[in-house]
Amino acid sequence: MDFRSNALNAPARLTARLIALLALVTLGAQALVTAALYPEYSALDTAWHMLRYFTNLTALLALVTFAGMGATRRAAHRLWLGGLALWEGMTAAIYHLLLAREGLTGLELWADHGLHTVLPAAVLLWWLVFARKDRMRPWAAVAWLGWPGIYIGYALARGRSDGFYPYFFLDPEQVRWDGVAVWSGMIGLGFFAGGLVLLFVARLLRR
């Protein structure tokens, strides 16, 4: 990458396009898995169901971001790319610490680990190698809480509307509303700590 501008060099463009393709394929695989689990769903119902999940929504952000960079040959803003790397990294961390499932096979295995392991690793590696890391200030760790905060409000609103909560830690039937508040605070602290780590890494790589 040319650090005097947002222009992407050839390796950055190629890998951005590959990451966009990876996101598209994994979301497509997840759509097929969801359709098989809920055969009564229409295609629109399947998409609406998938959009309950932070994992899928964040993968969609990655798809749009990396496809856009591959098409325009210009990098997205450094703060957005840092946030995307954080959100994908935390997706992997929360999944493997709290939500990982065993006994998956076939397409379900690929969709699950494609979205929760492979795509986050690819986004983080791209950020480490190609993203601009100058002018990254500590307040960015606070700004990056915006997306998970918006998601929690959205997930709770949808859950109150139809009674389906996508994760146990957001389900008042399982952990009560005070538990939802505690879990949300803990997850927020996790994202904040992850943001500080990302900023520390950015500072090291600038040297």
C-alpha atoms as a PDB file:
ATOM      1  CA  MET A   1       0.000   0.000   0.000  1.00  0.00           C
ATOM      2  CA  ASP A   2       1.068   3.543  -0.685  1.00  0.00           C
ATOM      3  CA  PHE A   3       0.984   5.096   2.782  1.00  0.00           C
ATOM      4  CA  ARG A   4       0.797   8.603   1.266  1.00  0.00           C
ATOM      5  CA  SER A   5      -2.715   7.873   0.001  1.00  0.00           C
ATOM      6  CA  ASN A   6      -5.545   5.350   0.242  1.00  0.00           C
ATOM      7  CA  ALA A   7      -4.444   3.588  -2.948  1.00  0.00           C
ATOM      8  CA  LEU A   8      -4.071  -0.190  -2.648  1.00  0.00           C
ATOM      9  CA  ASN A   9      -1.218  -2.068  -4.230  1.00  0.00           C
ATOM     10  CA  ALA A  10      -1.809  -5.233  -6.249  1.00  0.00           C
ATOM     11  CA  PRO A  11      -1.439  -7.736  -3.359  1.00  0.00           C
ATOM     12  CA  ALA A  12      -3.783  -5.681  -1.167  1.00  0.00           C
ATOM     13  CA  ARG A  13      -6.393  -5.521  -3.942  1.00  0.00           C
ATOM     14  CA  LEU A  14      -6.160  -9.221  -4.714  1.00  0.00           C
ATOM     15  CA  THR A  15      -6.463 -10.306  -1.096  1.00  0.00           C
ATOM     16  CA  ALA A  16      -9.314  -7.850  -0.514  1.00  0.00           C
ATOM     17  CA  ARG A  17     -11.202  -9.485  -3.375  1.00  0.00           C
ATOM     18  CA  LEU A  18     -10.455 -12.948  -1.999  1.00  0.00           C
ATOM     19  CA  ILE A  19     -11.752 -11.935   1.435  1.00  0.00           C
ATOM     20  CA  ALA A  20     -14.914 -10.561  -0.148  1.00  0.00           C
ATOM     21  CA  LEU A  21     -15.341 -13.882  -1.971  1.00  0.00           C
ATOM     22  CA  LEU A  22     -14.717 -15.778   1.272  1.00  0.00           C
ATOM     23  CA  ALA A  23     -17.387 -13.721   3.044  1.00  0.00           C
ATOM     24  CA  LEU A  24     -19.843 -14.303   0.195  1.00  0.00           C
ATOM     25  CA  VAL A  25     -19.237 -18.061   0.121  1.00  0.00           C
ATOM     26  CA  THR A  26     -19.489 -18.488   3.890  1.00  0.00           C
ATOM     27  CA  LEU A  27     -22.679 -16.424   4.095  1.00  0.00           C
ATOM     28  CA  GLY A  28     -24.069 -18.452   1.210  1.00  0.00           C
ATOM     29  CA  ALA A  29     -23.193 -21.678   2.996  1.00  0.00           C
ATOM     30  CA  GLN A  30     -24.883 -20.404   6.143  1.00  0.00           C
ATOM     31  CA  ALA A  31     -27.977 -19.501   4.123  1.00  0.00           C
ATOM     32  CA  LEU A  32     -28.155 -23.083   2.822  1.00  0.00           C
ATOM     33  CA  VAL A  33     -27.746 -24.464   6.346  1.00  0.00           C
ATOM     34  CA  THR A  34     -30.467 -22.158   7.673  1.00  0.00           C
ATOM     35  CA  ALA A  35     -32.803 -23.086   4.825  1.00  0.00           C
ATOM     36  CA  ALA A  36     -32.277 -26.781   5.607  1.00  0.00           C
ATOM     37  CA  LEU A  37     -32.981 -26.220   9.323  1.00  0.00           C
ATOM     38  CA  TYR A  38     -36.139 -24.236   8.574  1.00  0.00           C
ATOM     39  CA  PRO A  39     -37.606 -25.753   5.394  1.00  0.00           C
ATOM     40  CA  GLU A  40     -40.830 -23.813   5.902  1.00  0.00           C
ATOM     41  CA  TYR A  41     -38.956 -20.525   5.411  1.00  0.00           C
ATOM     42  CA  SER A  42     -39.050 -18.577   2.184  1.00  0.00           C
ATOM     43  CA  ALA A  43     -35.795 -17.084   0.899  1.00  0.00           C
ATOM     44  CA  LEU A  44     -36.781 -13.774   2.493  1.00  0.00           C
ATOM     45  CA  ASP A  45     -37.538 -15.495   5.811  1.00  0.00           C
ATOM     46  CA  THR A  46     -34.133 -17.183   5.705  1.00  0.00           C
ATOM     47  CA  ALA A  47     -32.357 -13.875   5.115  1.00  0.00           C
ATOM     48  CA  TRP A  48     -34.363 -12.165   7.882  1.00  0.00           C
ATOM     49  CA  HIS A  49     -33.498 -14.979  10.295  1.00  0.00           C
ATOM     50  CA  MET A  50     -29.794 -14.753   9.445  1.00  0.00           C
ATOM     51  CA  LEU A  51     -29.834 -11.020  10.067  1.00  0.00           C
ATOM     52  CA  ARG A  52     -30.534 -11.673  13.750  1.00  0.00           C
ATOM     53  CA  TYR A  53     -26.910 -12.627  14.343  1.00  0.00           C
ATOM     54  CA  PHE A  54     -23.933 -10.373  14.977  1.00  0.00           C
ATOM     55  CA  THR A  55     -21.729 -12.872  13.153  1.00  0.00           C
ATOM     56  CA  ASN A  56     -23.714 -12.658   9.928  1.00  0.00           C
ATOM     57  CA  LEU A  57     -24.194  -8.905  10.062  1.00  0.00           C
ATOM     58  CA  THR A  58     -20.486  -8.322  10.659  1.00  0.00           C
ATOM     59  CA  ALA A  59     -19.591 -10.740   7.857  1.00  0.00           C
ATOM     60  CA  LEU A  60     -21.905  -8.707   5.616  1.00  0.00           C
ATOM     61  CA  LEU A  61     -20.020  -5.537   6.606  1.00  0.00           C
ATOM     62  CA  ALA A  62     -16.771  -7.311   5.720  1.00  0.00           C
ATOM     63  CA  LEU A  63     -18.197  -8.425   2.376  1.00  0.00           C
ATOM     64  CA  VAL A  64     -19.281  -4.906   1.415  1.00  0.00           C
ATOM     65  CA  THR A  65     -16.050  -3.313   2.669  1.00  0.00           C
ATOM     66  CA  PHE A  66     -13.621  -5.673   0.955  1.00  0.00           C
ATOM     67  CA  ALA A  67     -15.655  -5.909  -2.248  1.00  0.00           C
ATOM     68  CA  GLY A  68     -15.685  -2.107  -2.351  1.00  0.00           C
ATOM     69  CA  MET A  69     -11.940  -1.902  -1.829  1.00  0.00           C
ATOM     70  CA  GLY A  70     -11.320  -4.531  -4.474  1.00  0.00           C
ATOM     71  CA  ALA A  71     -13.501  -2.671  -6.960  1.00  0.00           C
ATOM     72  CA  THR A  72     -12.286   0.873  -6.281  1.00  0.00           C
ATOM     73  CA  ARG A  73      -8.653  -0.056  -5.563  1.00  0.00           C
ATOM     74  CA  ARG A  74      -8.736   2.287  -2.583  1.00  0.00           C
ATOM     75  CA  ALA A  75      -8.671   1.432   1.111  1.00  0.00           C
ATOM     76  CA  ALA A  76     -11.568   2.181   3.413  1.00  0.00           C
ATOM     77  CA  HIS A  77     -10.877   4.639   6.213  1.00  0.00           C
ATOM     78  CA  ARG A  78      -8.280   3.410   8.696  1.00  0.00           C
ATOM     79  CA  LEU A  79     -10.675   3.696  11.648  1.00  0.00           C
ATOM     80  CA  TRP A  80     -13.355   1.672   9.885  1.00  0.00           C
ATOM     81  CA  LEU A  81     -10.840  -1.043   8.971  1.00  0.00           C
ATOM     82  CA  GLY A  82      -9.561  -1.134  12.545  1.00  0.00           C
ATOM     83  CA  GLY A  83     -13.114  -1.459  13.814  1.00  0.00           C
ATOM     84  CA  LEU A  84     -13.899  -4.220  11.331  1.00  0.00           C
ATOM     85  CA  ALA A  85     -10.780  -6.132  12.388  1.00  0.00           C
ATOM     86  CA  LEU A  86     -11.824  -5.761  16.038  1.00  0.00           C
ATOM     87  CA  TRP A  87     -15.424  -6.831  15.430  1.00  0.00           C
ATOM     88  CA  GLU A  88     -14.380  -9.890  13.436  1.00  0.00           C
ATOM     89  CA  GLY A  89     -11.725 -10.782  15.997  1.00  0.00           C
ATOM     90  CA  MET A  90     -14.224 -10.514  18.850  1.00  0.00           C
ATOM     91  CA  THR A  91     -16.703 -12.591  16.849  1.00  0.00           C
ATOM     92  CA  ALA A  92     -14.144 -15.399  16.825  1.00  0.00           C
ATOM     93  CA  ALA A  93     -13.202 -14.933  20.485  1.00  0.00           C
ATOM     94  CA  ILE A  94     -16.789 -14.925  21.803  1.00  0.00           C
ATOM     95  CA  TYR A  95     -17.737 -17.879  19.647  1.00  0.00           C
ATOM     96  CA  HIS A  96     -14.828 -20.052  20.709  1.00  0.00           C
ATOM     97  CA  LEU A  97     -15.114 -19.060  24.374  1.00  0.00           C
ATOM     98  CA  LEU A  98     -18.892 -19.211  24.802  1.00  0.00           C
ATOM     99  CA  LEU A  99     -20.765 -20.565  21.799  1.00  0.00           C
ATOM    100  CA  ALA A 100     -18.682 -23.192  19.978  1.00  0.00           C
ATOM    101  CA  ARG A 101     -20.581 -26.317  18.987  1.00  0.00           C
ATOM    102  CA  GLU A 102     -19.210 -29.835  18.596  1.00  0.00           C
ATOM    103  CA  GLY A 103     -20.175 -32.609  16.229  1.00  0.00           C
ATOM    104  CA  LEU A 104     -20.697 -30.430  13.169  1.00  0.00           C
ATOM    105  CA  THR A 105     -20.085 -31.982   9.775  1.00  0.00           C
ATOM    106  CA  GLY A 106     -20.245 -31.117   6.107  1.00  0.00           C
ATOM    107  CA  LEU A 107     -21.633 -27.777   5.023  1.00  0.00           C
ATOM    108  CA  GLU A 108     -22.654 -26.848   8.556  1.00  0.00           C
ATOM    109  CA  LEU A 109     -19.060 -27.293   9.739  1.00  0.00           C
ATOM    110  CA  TRP A 110     -17.730 -25.101   6.911  1.00  0.00           C
ATOM    111  CA  ALA A 111     -20.338 -22.410   7.449  1.00  0.00           C
ATOM    112  CA  ASP A 112     -19.778 -22.346  11.200  1.00  0.00           C
ATOM    113  CA  HIS A 113     -15.996 -22.181  11.129  1.00  0.00           C
ATOM    114  CA  GLY A 114     -15.874 -20.164   7.944  1.00  0.00           C
ATOM    115  CA  LEU A 115     -17.803 -17.372   9.655  1.00  0.00           C
ATOM    116  CA  HIS A 116     -16.331 -17.734  13.142  1.00  0.00           C
ATOM    117  CA  THR A 117     -12.716 -18.695  12.435  1.00  0.00           C
ATOM    118  CA  VAL A 118     -11.530 -18.356   8.840  1.00  0.00           C
ATOM    119  CA  LEU A 119     -13.117 -15.014   7.933  1.00  0.00           C
ATOM    120  CA  PRO A 120     -12.067 -13.289  11.194  1.00  0.00           C
ATOM    121  CA  ALA A 121      -8.505 -14.554  10.749  1.00  0.00           C
ATOM    122  CA  ALA A 122      -8.426 -13.325   7.145  1.00  0.00           C
ATOM    123  CA  VAL A 123      -9.722  -9.852   8.073  1.00  0.00           C
ATOM    124  CA  LEU A 124      -7.262  -9.526  10.957  1.00  0.00           C
ATOM    125  CA  LEU A 125      -4.343 -10.625   8.789  1.00  0.00           C
ATOM    126  CA  TRP A 126      -5.303  -8.172   6.058  1.00  0.00           C
ATOM    127  CA  TRP A 127      -5.441  -5.376   8.629  1.00  0.00           C
ATOM    128  CA  LEU A 128      -2.053  -6.367  10.041  1.00  0.00           C
ATOM    129  CA  VAL A 129      -0.368  -6.450   6.641  1.00  0.00           C
ATOM    130  CA  PHE A 130      -2.081  -3.788   4.543  1.00  0.00           C
ATOM    131  CA  ALA A 131      -4.163  -1.325   6.578  1.00  0.00           C
ATOM    132  CA  ARG A 132      -2.909   2.134   7.456  1.00  0.00           C
ATOM    133  CA  LYS A 133      -2.244   2.448  11.162  1.00  0.00           C
ATOM    134  CA  ASP A 134      -1.172   6.052  11.506  1.00  0.00           C
ATOM    135  CA  ARG A 135      -3.171   8.589  13.515  1.00  0.00           C
ATOM    136  CA  MET A 136      -4.930   5.916  15.577  1.00  0.00           C
ATOM    137  CA  ARG A 137      -5.931   7.529  18.865  1.00  0.00           C
ATOM    138  CA  PRO A 138      -7.166   5.926  22.121  1.00  0.00           C
ATOM    139  CA  TRP A 139     -10.675   7.339  21.597  1.00  0.00           C
ATOM    140  CA  ALA A 140     -11.028   4.894  18.699  1.00  0.00           C
ATOM    141  CA  ALA A 141     -11.479   2.072  21.227  1.00  0.00           C
ATOM    142  CA  VAL A 142     -14.581   3.897  22.467  1.00  0.00           C
ATOM    143  CA  ALA A 143     -15.868   4.687  18.971  1.00  0.00           C
ATOM    144  CA  TRP A 144     -15.557   1.016  18.008  1.00  0.00           C
ATOM    145  CA  LEU A 145     -18.090   0.145  20.718  1.00  0.00           C
ATOM    146  CA  GLY A 146     -20.737   1.765  18.529  1.00  0.00           C
ATOM    147  CA  TRP A 147     -21.416  -1.251  16.312  1.00  0.00           C
ATOM    148  CA  PRO A 148     -21.749  -3.868  19.095  1.00  0.00           C
ATOM    149  CA  GLY A 149     -23.858  -1.384  21.073  1.00  0.00           C
ATOM    150  CA  ILE A 150     -26.191  -0.838  18.118  1.00  0.00           C
ATOM    151  CA  TYR A 151     -26.393  -4.601  17.602  1.00  0.00           C
ATOM    152  CA  ILE A 152     -27.348  -5.327  21.214  1.00  0.00           C
ATOM    153  CA  GLY A 153     -30.155  -2.772  21.056  1.00  0.00           C
ATOM    154  CA  TYR A 154     -31.333  -4.221  17.741  1.00  0.00           C
ATOM    155  CA  ALA A 155     -31.224  -7.841  18.970  1.00  0.00           C
ATOM    156  CA  LEU A 156     -33.137  -6.992  22.129  1.00  0.00           C
ATOM    157  CA  ALA A 157     -35.758  -5.039  20.183  1.00  0.00           C
ATOM    158  CA  ARG A 158     -36.284  -7.949  17.781  1.00  0.00           C
ATOM    159  CA  GLY A 159     -36.405 -10.379  20.695  1.00  0.00           C
ATOM    160  CA  ARG A 160     -39.048  -8.320  22.496  1.00  0.00           C
ATOM    161  CA  SER A 161     -41.051  -8.262  19.269  1.00  0.00           C
ATOM    162  CA  ASP A 162     -41.069 -11.980  18.434  1.00  0.00           C
ATOM    163  CA  GLY A 163     -39.641 -13.748  21.502  1.00  0.00           C
ATOM    164  CA  PHE A 164     -36.498 -15.066  19.770  1.00  0.00           C
ATOM    165  CA  TYR A 165     -33.131 -13.965  21.157  1.00  0.00           C
ATOM    166  CA  PRO A 166     -30.077 -14.995  19.118  1.00  0.00           C
ATOM    167  CA  TYR A 167     -27.645 -15.613  22.007  1.00  0.00           C
ATOM    168  CA  PHE A 168     -28.164 -16.957  25.507  1.00  0.00           C
ATOM    169  CA  PHE A 169     -26.514 -13.920  27.093  1.00  0.00           C
ATOM    170  CA  LEU A 170     -29.096 -11.638  25.448  1.00  0.00           C
ATOM    171  CA  ASP A 171     -32.068 -13.827  26.370  1.00  0.00           C
ATOM    172  CA  PRO A 172     -33.917 -12.601  29.486  1.00  0.00           C
ATOM    173  CA  GLU A 173     -35.712 -15.950  29.675  1.00  0.00           C
ATOM    174  CA  GLN A 174     -32.364 -17.625  30.343  1.00  0.00           C
ATOM    175  CA  VAL A 175     -30.331 -15.032  32.258  1.00  0.00           C
ATOM    176  CA  ARG A 176     -33.026 -12.503  33.337  1.00  0.00           C
ATOM    177  CA  TRP A 177     -32.824  -8.832  32.435  1.00  0.00           C
ATOM    178  CA  ASP A 178     -30.203  -8.118  35.065  1.00  0.00           C
ATOM    179  CA  GLY A 179     -28.137 -10.923  33.554  1.00  0.00           C
ATOM    180  CA  VAL A 180     -28.547  -9.392  30.113  1.00  0.00           C
ATOM    181  CA  ALA A 181     -27.252  -6.101  31.517  1.00  0.00           C
ATOM    182  CA  VAL A 182     -24.267  -7.797  33.170  1.00  0.00           C
ATOM    183  CA  TRP A 183     -23.411  -9.836  30.095  1.00  0.00           C
ATOM    184  CA  SER A 184     -23.759  -6.803  27.847  1.00  0.00           C
ATOM    185  CA  GLY A 185     -21.422  -4.842  30.110  1.00  0.00           C
ATOM    186  CA  MET A 186     -18.888  -7.667  30.146  1.00  0.00           C
ATOM    187  CA  ILE A 187     -18.996  -8.006  26.376  1.00  0.00           C
ATOM    188  CA  GLY A 188     -18.628  -4.252  26.024  1.00  0.00           C
ATOM    189  CA  LEU A 189     -15.559  -4.358  28.257  1.00  0.00           C
ATOM    190  CA  GLY A 190     -14.208  -7.184  26.121  1.00  0.00           C
ATOM    191  CA  PHE A 191     -14.625  -5.129  22.957  1.00  0.00           C
ATOM    192  CA  PHE A 192     -13.022  -2.120  24.647  1.00  0.00           C
ATOM    193  CA  ALA A 193     -10.050  -4.192  25.833  1.00  0.00           C
ATOM    194  CA  GLY A 194      -9.732  -5.708  22.369  1.00  0.00           C
ATOM    195  CA  GLY A 195      -9.744  -2.221  20.878  1.00  0.00           C
ATOM    196  CA  LEU A 196      -6.928  -1.139  23.167  1.00  0.00           C
ATOM    197  CA  VAL A 197      -4.914  -4.207  22.148  1.00  0.00           C
ATOM    198  CA  LEU A 198      -5.533  -3.383  18.486  1.00  0.00           C
ATOM    199  CA  LEU A 199      -4.335   0.181  19.042  1.00  0.00           C
ATOM    200  CA  PHE A 200      -1.236  -1.084  20.838  1.00  0.00           C
ATOM    201  CA  VAL A 201      -0.443  -3.408  17.925  1.00  0.00           C
ATOM    202  CA  ALA A 202      -1.005  -0.530  15.480  1.00  0.00           C
ATOM    203  CA  ARG A 203       1.436   1.605  17.429  1.00  0.00           C
ATOM    204  CA  LEU A 204       4.062  -1.160  17.390  1.00  0.00           C
ATOM    205  CA  LEU A 205       3.678  -1.722  13.660  1.00  0.00           C
ATOM    206  CA  ARG A 206       4.074   1.978  12.894  1.00  0.00           C
ATOM    207  CA  ARG A 207       7.581   1.973  14.329  1.00  0.00           C
END
